[in-house]
Protein backbone atom coordinates (compact mmCIF):
# COMPACT_ATOMS: atom_id res chain seq x y z
CA UNK A 1 -16.66 96.81 -15.14
CA UNK A 2 -13.87 98.64 -13.20
CA UNK A 3 -10.50 96.75 -12.10
CA UNK A 4 -10.12 97.30 -8.61
CA UNK A 5 -6.83 98.11 -7.00
CA UNK A 6 -4.79 95.13 -5.96
CA UNK A 7 -4.14 94.30 -2.01
CA UNK A 8 -6.59 97.34 -1.31
CA UNK A 9 -8.06 94.81 1.37
CA UNK A 10 -4.50 94.03 3.03
CA UNK A 11 -3.12 95.96 5.53
CA UNK A 12 0.43 97.67 4.54
CA UNK A 13 3.19 96.01 6.40
CA UNK A 14 6.64 97.35 7.01
CA UNK A 15 8.47 94.14 6.32
CA UNK A 16 7.04 90.56 5.23
CA UNK A 17 7.95 87.09 5.98
CA UNK A 18 10.49 86.32 3.30
CA UNK A 19 8.12 83.39 1.84
CA UNK A 20 5.42 86.31 1.07
CA UNK A 21 7.71 87.76 -1.40
CA UNK A 22 7.87 84.70 -3.66
CA UNK A 23 5.92 84.24 -7.22
CA UNK A 24 6.42 80.71 -8.31
CA UNK A 25 4.24 80.36 -11.47
CA UNK A 26 4.43 78.35 -14.81
CA UNK A 27 3.98 79.28 -18.05
CA UNK A 28 1.65 77.01 -20.45
CA UNK A 29 0.61 76.89 -23.63
CA UNK A 30 0.00 74.82 -26.76
CA UNK A 31 3.28 74.60 -29.08
CA UNK A 32 4.10 77.53 -31.13
CA UNK A 33 2.09 79.85 -29.33
CA UNK A 34 4.97 81.85 -27.96
CA UNK A 35 5.69 80.30 -24.81
CA UNK A 36 9.52 80.35 -24.53
CA UNK A 37 9.37 83.64 -26.25
CA UNK A 38 7.34 84.85 -23.56
CA UNK A 39 9.65 83.45 -21.02
CA UNK A 40 12.85 85.51 -22.53
CA UNK A 41 11.20 88.75 -22.71
CA UNK A 42 9.34 88.89 -19.27
CA UNK A 43 13.33 87.93 -18.02
CA UNK A 44 14.63 90.74 -20.16
CA UNK A 45 11.57 93.54 -18.85
CA UNK A 46 12.67 92.59 -15.10
CA UNK A 47 16.30 93.56 -16.05
CA UNK A 48 17.14 90.03 -15.09
CA UNK A 49 18.96 89.49 -18.78
CA UNK A 50 20.13 92.44 -21.27
CA UNK A 51 18.25 91.36 -24.11
CA UNK A 52 15.90 88.35 -25.19
CA UNK A 53 18.04 85.44 -25.04
CA UNK A 54 21.02 86.49 -23.38
CA UNK A 55 22.54 86.70 -19.97
CA UNK A 56 25.31 88.87 -18.47
CA UNK A 57 27.82 85.71 -16.37
CA UNK A 58 30.65 87.09 -14.30
CA UNK A 59 33.02 86.48 -17.13
CA UNK A 60 31.22 87.00 -20.09
CA UNK A 61 27.92 87.38 -21.81
CA UNK A 62 26.39 83.65 -22.66
CA UNK A 63 23.41 82.29 -24.01
CA UNK A 64 20.63 81.46 -21.48
CA UNK A 65 18.30 79.53 -24.00
CA UNK A 66 15.95 77.56 -21.42
CA UNK A 67 15.35 75.13 -24.28
CA UNK A 68 19.25 73.86 -23.20
CA UNK A 69 18.61 69.89 -24.64
CA UNK A 70 20.42 69.43 -28.24
CA UNK A 71 17.26 67.83 -29.53
CA UNK A 72 15.42 71.02 -28.60
CA UNK A 73 17.59 72.93 -30.15
CA UNK A 74 17.36 71.10 -33.65
CA UNK A 75 13.75 71.01 -33.45
CA UNK A 76 13.17 74.46 -31.59
CA UNK A 77 10.70 73.09 -29.31
CA UNK A 78 10.60 72.90 -25.48
CA UNK A 79 10.38 69.09 -24.11
CA UNK A 80 11.76 69.63 -20.44
CA UNK A 81 10.99 72.08 -17.68
CA UNK A 82 13.48 74.60 -17.00
CA UNK A 83 13.67 76.93 -13.99
CA UNK A 84 14.47 80.37 -14.33
CA UNK A 85 14.69 82.45 -10.67
CA UNK A 86 15.12 86.01 -10.70
CA UNK A 87 13.94 89.44 -9.14
CA UNK A 88 11.85 92.22 -9.91
CA UNK A 89 10.81 95.21 -7.62
CA UNK A 90 11.18 93.52 -4.34
CA UNK A 91 9.64 90.18 -5.06
CA UNK A 92 11.29 87.09 -6.14
CA UNK A 93 10.09 85.37 -9.10
CA UNK A 94 10.72 81.42 -9.83
CA UNK A 95 9.00 81.20 -13.56
CA UNK A 96 8.85 77.38 -14.31
CA UNK A 97 8.74 77.08 -18.77
CA UNK A 98 6.86 73.86 -19.26
CA UNK A 99 7.25 71.39 -21.96
CA UNK A 100 5.04 72.91 -24.89
CA UNK A 101 4.56 69.41 -26.69
CA UNK A 102 1.95 67.31 -25.44
CA UNK A 103 3.86 63.98 -25.32
CA UNK A 104 5.68 65.38 -22.37
CA UNK A 105 2.36 66.22 -20.31
CA UNK A 106 3.44 64.32 -17.68
CA UNK A 107 6.82 66.26 -16.96
CA UNK A 108 4.14 69.12 -17.35
CA UNK A 109 2.12 67.93 -14.51
CA UNK A 110 4.40 67.30 -12.30
CA UNK A 111 6.05 70.96 -12.78
CA UNK A 112 2.29 72.39 -12.08
CA UNK A 113 2.37 70.75 -8.77
CA UNK A 114 5.58 72.83 -7.96
CA UNK A 115 3.52 76.22 -8.95
CA UNK A 116 1.18 78.67 -7.20
CA UNK A 117 0.06 80.50 -10.39
CA UNK A 118 -0.03 79.86 -14.20
CA UNK A 119 0.53 82.14 -17.29
CA UNK A 120 -2.09 80.74 -19.79
CA UNK A 121 -0.49 81.39 -23.72
CA UNK A 122 -3.05 81.76 -26.45
CA UNK A 123 -2.35 82.69 -29.70
CA UNK A 124 -5.07 85.13 -31.04
CA UNK A 125 -5.21 83.43 -34.14
CA UNK A 126 -6.13 79.89 -32.86
CA UNK A 127 -7.87 80.35 -29.86
CA UNK A 128 -8.11 77.65 -27.22
CA UNK A 129 -6.12 74.42 -28.80
CA UNK A 130 -5.91 71.21 -27.20
CA UNK A 131 -2.88 70.96 -25.10
CA UNK A 132 -3.80 74.42 -23.78
CA UNK A 133 -7.05 73.06 -22.55
CA UNK A 134 -5.54 69.59 -21.03
CA UNK A 135 -2.96 72.07 -19.23
CA UNK A 136 -5.83 73.94 -18.01
CA UNK A 137 -7.69 70.85 -16.62
CA UNK A 138 -4.74 70.05 -14.57
CA UNK A 139 -4.47 73.55 -13.26
CA UNK A 140 -8.24 73.60 -12.42
CA UNK A 141 -7.69 70.16 -10.70
CA UNK A 142 -5.18 71.92 -8.51
CA UNK A 143 -6.98 75.26 -8.25
CA UNK A 144 -4.25 77.49 -9.61
CA UNK A 145 -4.92 80.99 -10.60
CA UNK A 146 -4.28 81.85 -14.06
CA UNK A 147 -3.57 84.86 -15.85
CA UNK A 148 -4.16 84.58 -19.69
CA UNK A 149 -1.75 86.35 -22.10
CA UNK A 150 -3.58 86.56 -25.51
CA UNK A 151 -0.25 86.85 -28.03
CA UNK A 152 0.34 87.88 -31.14
CA UNK A 153 -1.97 90.88 -31.26
CA UNK A 154 0.21 92.49 -33.70
CA UNK A 155 -0.86 90.03 -36.24
CA UNK A 156 -4.41 88.89 -38.06
CA UNK A 157 -6.21 86.42 -35.48
CA UNK A 158 -10.00 86.48 -34.12
CA UNK A 159 -11.55 89.44 -32.44
CA UNK A 160 -10.73 90.37 -28.99
CA UNK A 161 -14.67 89.96 -28.08
CA UNK A 162 -14.51 85.88 -30.06
CA UNK A 163 -11.71 85.47 -27.93
CA UNK A 164 -13.16 86.65 -24.55
CA UNK A 165 -16.12 84.35 -25.49
CA UNK A 166 -13.64 81.49 -26.38
CA UNK A 167 -12.00 81.64 -22.99
CA UNK A 168 -15.29 81.82 -20.75
CA UNK A 169 -17.27 79.14 -23.10
CA UNK A 170 -14.36 76.44 -23.26
CA UNK A 171 -12.80 76.94 -19.85
CA UNK A 172 -16.13 77.91 -17.92
CA UNK A 173 -14.39 80.65 -16.14
CA UNK A 174 -14.96 84.35 -15.65
CA UNK A 175 -12.56 87.05 -18.04
CA UNK A 176 -11.91 90.01 -17.04
CA UNK A 177 -9.45 92.13 -19.73
CA UNK A 178 -6.49 93.87 -17.86
CA UNK A 179 -4.94 95.18 -21.23
CA UNK A 180 -7.07 95.79 -24.31
CA UNK A 181 -5.61 95.60 -28.08
CA UNK A 182 -6.46 98.90 -30.05
CA UNK A 183 -6.78 96.99 -33.48
CA UNK A 184 -4.96 94.02 -34.56
CA UNK A 185 -2.67 93.20 -37.36
CA UNK A 186 -1.78 95.60 -39.96
CA UNK A 187 -4.21 97.91 -38.03
CA UNK A 188 -2.78 97.32 -34.74
CA UNK A 189 -2.89 100.95 -32.68
CA UNK A 190 -1.74 100.14 -29.46
CA UNK A 191 -3.03 99.00 -26.12
CA UNK A 192 -5.63 100.36 -23.21
CA UNK A 193 -3.92 99.26 -19.61
CA UNK A 194 -6.81 99.06 -17.72
CA UNK A 195 -4.68 98.89 -14.44
CA UNK A 196 -2.32 101.76 -14.94
CA UNK A 197 -4.68 104.38 -16.38
CA UNK A 198 -2.77 104.53 -19.74
CA UNK A 199 -2.90 104.54 -23.21
CA UNK A 200 -0.10 103.31 -25.14
CA UNK A 201 1.43 103.27 -28.48
CA UNK A 202 2.56 99.83 -29.89
CA UNK A 203 6.25 100.47 -28.61
CA UNK A 204 4.86 100.74 -25.36
CA UNK A 205 5.25 104.75 -24.93
CA UNK A 206 2.86 106.61 -23.27
CA UNK A 207 -0.32 107.86 -25.43
CA UNK A 208 -2.81 109.30 -22.76
CA UNK A 209 -3.45 108.85 -19.37
CA UNK A 210 -7.01 108.30 -17.87
CA UNK A 211 -8.58 107.79 -14.20
CA UNK A 212 -11.91 106.17 -15.75
CA UNK A 213 -11.67 104.56 -18.80
CA UNK A 214 -15.19 105.97 -20.20
CA UNK A 215 -12.81 109.30 -20.73
CA UNK A 216 -11.67 107.39 -23.70
CA UNK A 217 -14.62 107.59 -25.42
CA UNK A 218 -14.76 111.17 -25.38
CA UNK A 219 -11.10 111.98 -26.64
CA UNK A 220 -11.34 113.52 -29.88
CA UNK A 221 -7.91 112.74 -31.08
CA UNK A 222 -8.03 108.99 -30.14
CA UNK A 223 -11.64 108.86 -31.75
CA UNK A 224 -10.34 110.41 -35.00
CA UNK A 225 -9.00 107.29 -35.96
CA UNK A 226 -11.68 104.46 -36.81
CA UNK A 227 -9.79 101.68 -35.82
CA UNK A 228 -9.61 102.94 -32.37
CA UNK A 229 -12.94 104.24 -31.91
CA UNK A 230 -14.31 101.05 -32.81
CA UNK A 231 -11.80 98.90 -30.04
CA UNK A 232 -12.98 101.73 -27.67
CA UNK A 233 -16.34 100.85 -28.16
CA UNK A 234 -15.80 97.06 -27.71
CA UNK A 235 -14.40 97.50 -24.79
CA UNK A 236 -16.82 99.70 -23.44
CA UNK A 237 -19.32 96.58 -24.15
CA UNK A 238 -16.99 94.50 -22.12
CA UNK A 239 -16.84 96.55 -19.13
CA UNK A 240 -20.59 96.62 -19.02
CA UNK A 241 -21.02 92.95 -19.78
CA UNK A 242 -18.35 91.42 -17.65
CA UNK A 243 -17.50 91.14 -14.07
CA UNK A 244 -14.91 93.44 -12.33
CA UNK A 245 -11.89 92.11 -11.39
CA UNK A 246 -11.90 90.46 -7.79
CA UNK A 247 -8.67 89.07 -6.24
CA UNK A 248 -10.02 86.49 -4.01
CA UNK A 249 -11.93 84.88 -7.32
CA UNK A 250 -8.45 85.01 -9.25
CA UNK A 251 -6.97 83.26 -6.43
CA UNK A 252 -9.44 80.68 -6.35
CA UNK A 253 -9.41 79.68 -9.91
CA UNK A 254 -12.55 81.00 -11.16
CA UNK A 255 -11.24 84.14 -12.72
CA UNK A 256 -8.70 84.57 -15.26
CA UNK A 257 -7.67 88.27 -16.01
CA UNK A 258 -6.75 88.62 -19.93
CA UNK A 259 -3.89 90.77 -21.04
CA UNK A 260 -3.49 91.10 -24.92
CA UNK A 261 0.01 91.48 -26.26
CA UNK A 262 2.81 90.25 -28.33
CA UNK A 263 5.77 88.68 -26.67
CA UNK A 264 7.56 88.71 -29.78
CA UNK A 265 7.20 92.68 -29.87
CA UNK A 266 7.03 92.89 -25.75
CA UNK A 267 3.96 94.22 -26.31
CA UNK A 268 2.19 94.24 -22.74
CA UNK A 269 4.92 92.16 -21.43
CA UNK A 270 5.88 94.85 -18.62
CA UNK A 271 1.84 94.91 -17.61
CA UNK A 272 1.93 91.08 -17.52
CA UNK A 273 5.00 90.62 -14.74
CA UNK A 274 3.20 93.69 -12.74
CA UNK A 275 0.10 91.47 -12.84
CA UNK A 276 1.94 88.66 -11.31
CA UNK A 277 3.81 90.32 -8.58
CA UNK A 278 0.41 92.31 -7.58
CA UNK A 279 -2.06 89.40 -8.24
CA UNK A 280 -0.10 86.05 -8.07
CA UNK A 281 -0.37 84.49 -4.47
CA UNK A 282 2.63 84.18 -2.52
CA UNK A 283 3.40 80.31 -1.65
CA UNK A 284 -0.03 78.77 -0.93
CA UNK A 285 -0.27 75.20 1.80
CA UNK A 286 1.11 71.91 -0.05
CA UNK A 287 -1.05 68.87 -0.24
CA UNK A 288 0.40 66.47 1.91
CA UNK A 289 -0.58 63.73 4.33
CA UNK A 290 -1.54 63.77 7.33
CA UNK A 291 -2.26 67.44 6.77
CA UNK A 292 -1.13 70.24 4.31
CA UNK A 293 2.16 71.86 5.21
CA UNK A 294 1.63 75.58 6.09
CA UNK A 295 4.44 77.70 4.27
CA UNK A 296 4.56 79.75 7.24
CA UNK A 297 5.84 76.77 9.48
CA UNK A 298 9.54 77.20 10.69
CA UNK A 299 10.65 73.44 9.71
CA UNK A 300 12.01 72.81 6.16
CA UNK A 301 10.10 70.60 4.12
CA UNK A 302 10.10 70.17 0.34
CA UNK A 303 9.31 67.85 -2.66
CA UNK A 304 11.40 66.48 -5.45
CA UNK A 305 9.24 67.31 -8.67
CA UNK A 306 11.49 66.89 -11.07
CA UNK A 307 15.11 65.31 -11.56
CA UNK A 308 17.25 65.76 -14.64
CA UNK A 309 20.46 64.24 -15.13
CA UNK A 310 23.79 65.65 -17.68
CA UNK A 311 22.42 69.43 -17.67
CA UNK A 312 25.83 69.62 -17.83
CA UNK A 313 27.69 67.38 -20.14
CA UNK A 314 31.28 68.15 -18.71
CA UNK A 315 30.02 67.13 -15.21
CA UNK A 316 27.19 64.17 -15.97
CA UNK A 317 25.55 65.90 -12.93
CA UNK A 318 21.98 64.57 -11.99
CA UNK A 319 19.87 66.92 -10.07
CA UNK A 320 16.98 66.99 -8.22
CA UNK A 321 14.76 69.96 -8.42
CA UNK A 322 13.38 70.52 -4.90
CA UNK A 323 10.01 72.85 -4.29
CA UNK A 324 10.56 74.31 -0.76
CA UNK A 325 7.28 74.07 1.10
CA UNK A 326 8.03 75.87 4.54
CA UNK A 327 10.74 76.86 6.70
CA UNK A 328 14.03 78.64 5.51
CA UNK A 329 16.46 76.16 4.22
CA UNK A 330 20.13 77.12 4.49
CA UNK A 331 23.31 75.68 2.74
CA UNK A 332 24.93 72.34 4.79
CA UNK A 333 21.73 71.59 6.34
CA UNK A 334 20.69 68.18 6.91
CA UNK A 335 17.42 66.81 5.47
CA UNK A 336 15.75 63.52 5.88
CA UNK A 337 14.07 61.69 2.65
CA UNK A 338 10.89 60.21 4.22
CA UNK A 339 11.02 57.53 1.46
CA UNK A 340 14.15 55.88 2.62
CA UNK A 341 14.45 57.35 6.00
CA UNK A 342 17.97 58.28 5.12
CA UNK A 343 19.41 62.00 6.01
CA UNK A 344 21.24 63.76 3.24
CA UNK A 345 23.71 67.02 3.79
CA UNK A 346 22.72 69.56 1.52
CA UNK A 347 26.40 71.09 0.82
CA UNK A 348 25.87 72.28 -2.75
CA UNK A 349 22.45 73.37 -3.54
CA UNK A 350 21.68 75.62 -6.15
CA UNK A 351 19.67 78.27 -7.87
CA UNK A 352 19.17 78.23 -12.03
CA UNK A 353 18.91 80.78 -14.38
CA UNK A 354 18.19 78.21 -17.48
CA UNK A 355 21.14 76.17 -18.24
CA UNK A 356 23.38 78.74 -15.56
CA UNK A 357 23.41 78.15 -11.93
CA UNK A 358 24.79 79.41 -8.59
CA UNK A 359 24.79 78.12 -5.18
CA UNK A 360 22.16 78.63 -3.29
CA UNK A 361 23.08 79.93 0.45
CA UNK A 362 19.62 80.74 1.70
CA UNK A 363 16.39 79.54 0.33
CA UNK A 364 12.77 79.56 1.72
CA UNK A 365 9.27 78.12 1.00
CA UNK A 366 8.24 78.77 -2.69
CA UNK A 367 11.89 78.45 -3.94
CA UNK A 368 13.18 76.30 -6.25
CA UNK A 369 16.50 74.55 -5.07
CA UNK A 370 18.76 71.89 -7.41
CA UNK A 371 20.40 69.33 -5.31
CA UNK A 372 22.93 67.21 -6.81
CA UNK A 373 22.94 63.63 -6.16
CA UNK A 374 23.50 60.24 -7.43
CA UNK A 375 20.58 58.36 -7.17
CA UNK A 376 19.34 59.02 -4.29
CA UNK A 377 16.34 61.61 -4.57
CA UNK A 378 13.49 60.46 -6.79
CA UNK A 379 10.43 62.08 -8.36
CA UNK A 380 7.94 62.84 -5.48
CA UNK A 381 10.49 62.25 -2.59
CA UNK A 382 9.47 64.74 0.16
CA UNK A 383 12.46 66.11 2.36
CA UNK A 384 12.13 67.24 5.99
CA UNK A 385 14.21 68.53 8.35
CA UNK A 386 14.38 66.78 11.52
CA UNK A 387 11.85 63.59 12.10
CA UNK A 388 8.43 64.82 10.45
CA UNK A 389 6.52 62.21 9.21
CA UNK A 390 5.08 64.00 5.94
CA UNK A 391 4.70 62.62 2.22
CA UNK A 392 3.77 65.29 -0.33
CA UNK A 393 0.90 64.23 -2.27
CA UNK A 394 -0.45 64.83 -5.63
CA UNK A 395 2.36 63.54 -7.79
CA UNK A 396 1.32 60.63 -9.98
CA UNK A 397 2.49 58.32 -12.97
CA UNK A 398 0.30 58.08 -15.65
CA UNK A 399 -0.15 54.69 -17.47
CA UNK A 400 1.44 54.84 -20.69
CA UNK A 401 -0.35 55.10 -23.94
CA UNK A 402 2.64 53.50 -26.16
CA UNK A 403 4.36 50.20 -25.26
CA UNK A 404 7.67 49.00 -26.87
CA UNK A 405 10.51 46.64 -26.38
CA UNK A 406 13.68 47.92 -26.29
CA UNK A 407 16.37 46.33 -28.65
CA UNK A 408 19.94 46.86 -27.67
CA UNK A 409 22.32 47.20 -30.92
CA UNK A 410 25.59 46.07 -29.15
CA UNK A 411 24.60 43.19 -26.47
CA UNK A 412 28.06 43.84 -24.69
CA UNK A 413 26.38 46.97 -23.48
CA UNK A 414 23.53 45.64 -21.60
CA UNK A 415 24.98 46.86 -18.28
CA UNK A 416 25.25 50.34 -19.90
CA UNK A 417 21.65 50.03 -21.30
CA UNK A 418 20.21 49.14 -17.45
CA UNK A 419 21.69 51.99 -16.11
CA UNK A 420 20.44 54.30 -18.57
CA UNK A 421 17.34 52.97 -18.37
CA UNK A 422 17.05 52.78 -14.73
CA UNK A 423 18.35 56.73 -14.38
CA UNK A 424 15.78 58.19 -17.11
CA UNK A 425 13.23 56.43 -15.55
CA UNK A 426 14.03 58.25 -11.99
CA UNK A 427 13.74 60.95 -13.96
CA UNK A 428 10.23 60.66 -15.63
CA UNK A 429 11.72 60.47 -19.20
CA UNK A 430 9.92 57.52 -19.45
CA UNK A 431 8.59 54.55 -17.47
CA UNK A 432 10.57 51.15 -17.75
CA UNK A 433 9.21 47.76 -17.19
CA UNK A 434 10.75 44.65 -16.77
CA UNK A 435 8.96 40.81 -17.65
CA UNK A 436 8.19 38.54 -14.78
CA UNK A 437 9.36 36.10 -17.53
CA UNK A 438 12.07 36.92 -19.78
CA UNK A 439 14.74 39.47 -19.55
CA UNK A 440 13.05 42.40 -22.03
CA UNK A 441 13.39 45.86 -21.19
CA UNK A 442 9.67 47.53 -21.81
CA UNK A 443 9.26 51.09 -21.57
CA UNK A 444 5.87 52.93 -21.84
CA UNK A 445 5.17 56.62 -22.76
CA UNK A 446 2.51 59.12 -23.38
CA UNK A 447 4.03 59.96 -27.29
CA UNK A 448 6.12 59.45 -29.71
CA UNK A 449 8.51 62.31 -29.61
CA UNK A 450 9.42 60.50 -26.33
CA UNK A 451 10.61 57.44 -27.67
CA UNK A 452 12.61 59.56 -29.85
CA UNK A 453 14.01 61.55 -26.82
CA UNK A 454 14.89 58.60 -24.91
CA UNK A 455 16.86 57.24 -28.36
CA UNK A 456 18.88 60.15 -28.40
CA UNK A 457 19.76 60.50 -24.68
CA UNK A 458 20.91 56.97 -24.27
CA UNK A 459 23.17 57.29 -27.46
CA UNK A 460 24.60 60.50 -26.14
CA UNK A 461 24.89 60.06 -22.84
CA UNK A 462 25.88 56.53 -22.31
CA UNK A 463 27.21 55.83 -25.89
CA UNK A 464 24.74 52.89 -26.05
CA UNK A 465 22.51 52.72 -29.28
CA UNK A 466 19.44 51.51 -29.13
CA UNK A 467 16.07 50.96 -31.20
CA UNK A 468 12.49 50.11 -30.56
CA UNK A 469 9.94 47.25 -32.01
CA UNK A 470 6.68 46.64 -31.51
CA UNK A 471 5.25 44.46 -28.71
CA UNK A 472 1.98 42.38 -28.47
CA UNK A 473 0.51 44.77 -25.77
CA UNK A 474 -1.32 47.85 -25.63
CA UNK A 475 -1.94 48.89 -22.20
CA UNK A 476 -0.36 49.07 -19.01
CA UNK A 477 -1.91 49.34 -15.60
CA UNK A 478 -0.70 48.77 -11.78
CA UNK A 479 -2.30 46.31 -10.10
CA UNK A 480 -3.23 46.30 -6.22
CA UNK A 481 -5.56 44.49 -4.14
CA UNK A 482 -6.48 44.71 -0.11
CA UNK A 483 -6.05 40.67 -0.25
CA UNK A 484 -2.19 39.96 -0.56
CA UNK A 485 -2.79 36.43 -0.99
CA UNK A 486 -5.54 37.11 -4.21
CA UNK A 487 -2.97 39.75 -5.67
CA UNK A 488 -0.46 36.52 -5.79
CA UNK A 489 -2.85 34.57 -7.11
CA UNK A 490 -3.73 37.03 -9.57
CA UNK A 491 0.26 37.59 -10.40
CA UNK A 492 0.96 34.16 -10.66
CA UNK A 493 -1.84 33.02 -12.97
CA UNK A 494 -0.72 35.96 -15.46
CA UNK A 495 2.83 35.68 -15.49
CA UNK A 496 3.37 36.01 -19.36
CA UNK A 497 1.63 39.34 -19.09
CA UNK A 498 3.18 40.88 -15.88
CA UNK A 499 5.69 43.08 -15.62
CA UNK A 500 7.67 45.13 -12.60
CA UNK A 501 7.96 49.21 -12.77
CA UNK A 502 11.58 50.77 -11.56
CA UNK A 503 9.88 50.49 -8.43
CA UNK A 504 9.33 46.69 -7.85
CA UNK A 505 5.29 47.10 -8.11
CA UNK A 506 3.54 44.53 -10.28
CA UNK A 507 2.32 46.19 -13.57
CA UNK A 508 -0.25 43.98 -15.56
CA UNK A 509 0.27 44.61 -19.46
CA UNK A 510 -3.05 43.94 -21.42
CA UNK A 511 -3.12 43.18 -25.73
CA UNK A 512 -6.01 45.15 -25.73
CA UNK A 513 -8.89 47.06 -24.05
CA UNK A 514 -10.83 43.87 -24.37
CA UNK A 515 -8.66 42.04 -22.90
CA UNK A 516 -8.16 44.18 -20.00
CA UNK A 517 -11.99 44.48 -19.36
CA UNK A 518 -11.94 40.64 -19.27
CA UNK A 519 -8.99 40.47 -16.48
CA UNK A 520 -11.46 43.07 -14.46
CA UNK A 521 -14.45 40.83 -14.90
CA UNK A 522 -12.35 37.66 -13.94
CA UNK A 523 -10.43 39.19 -11.00
CA UNK A 524 -13.18 41.73 -9.29
CA UNK A 525 -11.28 42.10 -6.47
CA UNK A 526 -7.98 43.17 -8.31
CA UNK A 527 -7.36 46.94 -8.49
CA UNK A 528 -6.32 47.68 -12.66
CA UNK A 529 -4.95 51.52 -11.85
CA UNK A 530 -4.38 53.70 -14.63
CA UNK A 531 -2.58 56.12 -12.06
CA UNK A 532 -0.53 55.36 -9.13
CA UNK A 533 0.99 57.60 -6.34
CA UNK A 534 5.07 58.35 -6.87
CA UNK A 535 6.20 56.23 -3.68
């Protein structure tokens, strides 16, 4: 196995179009695999921050943890997606730190619609875990190329050969190690950087240089240590048995380069940043109707993949996160919301660095821009320059797995509750349904933690304490039918089980999978949908 020089097939250019200098990527992992730590270390290695967890502000030094929500800080987990924009080596990186908890898989899915590449973090002690596998499948659906960071090599874990086999067998991917560990745990001696031709000590200082990894097998000093000698022999087996790195195969999503390292000890973090800069693709065509959006198209297009309210509690703001798909956006431009047909003057767009923000004077395809708004933009909205009729696709709602009735502690605050549920439904914190008969508010979520977040945010941000109670429904399905009269007959006949979502679309609430099956048999023309494309 050999590692080819990146971009060897590309002609040198004196000046590239601005969008080709963008690298927009997400970090995905199972909880506790080290995702947030790796995020901070990437920022530190790029020079964007001086040390993990800190950033130099205009006035002073202030915290820039990507986990900004109070409940995140209390629990030590990421439950929202944060955006970090930074520059390194002539490139602009847009890093999207996704929720690690499985209860927030919808938010993660929406985030993955906005990236061109991903870093998959694996704990070498645990291998591929359930949430990692789910997120990988989402990446596969969108052909997102993945670089694997095998984390925590400074601790005891599975043998590197076993990790490679597990990735290849579980994910059905070709694997190619790019940074190889020399021992692990208490016997960790350093790494072999196969791209840079260097052997590194654990502290990152250079130990040896080489032009061909075979030279290492005959290096007397290296092989004097039995742990290093065994690791180099295993590396030779891997080089003989695995395919060489191929840029096109990686970008097609069929091969993952594997980097062994430790985010906590900053081992192989610089090598990961280098791989992202050299191999991760610049902005790709965005799936849309009637045709994919070419990032080189001069007209501005973009789509909302996330809405977040109250990031700044002092201002009670509401920010729509927009991934630009084409064109050069400039502050003050007017963009049209294709869904509503209304024009929006974007006078205060912003770039993000965790919780911090700065005014965005100009942005290009691949960039993530925050647009302050007051309920005019929703997840899935397509924004265009001029009169284009384009709709970005692939941003669905998923049927909830937990359904609860909202109970208001103080009946006087019914109006505040309605606004809170409407706002948070627009963000995607939960799905909100209103019964067609009765005034009940129903919420649907993927996991229990979403309910806790919903309850905490409504209490803190809207001063409206709520609780949840069980309801005699287990499943929710959107209903549709080509025959509008047949759909009306079904809704009229099932009023007690019917609700409407935030867009006014009909939703059938089933007591169990058996009742859902019966409805499907009794109404064969009706489609019972577990996903709904965002309006």
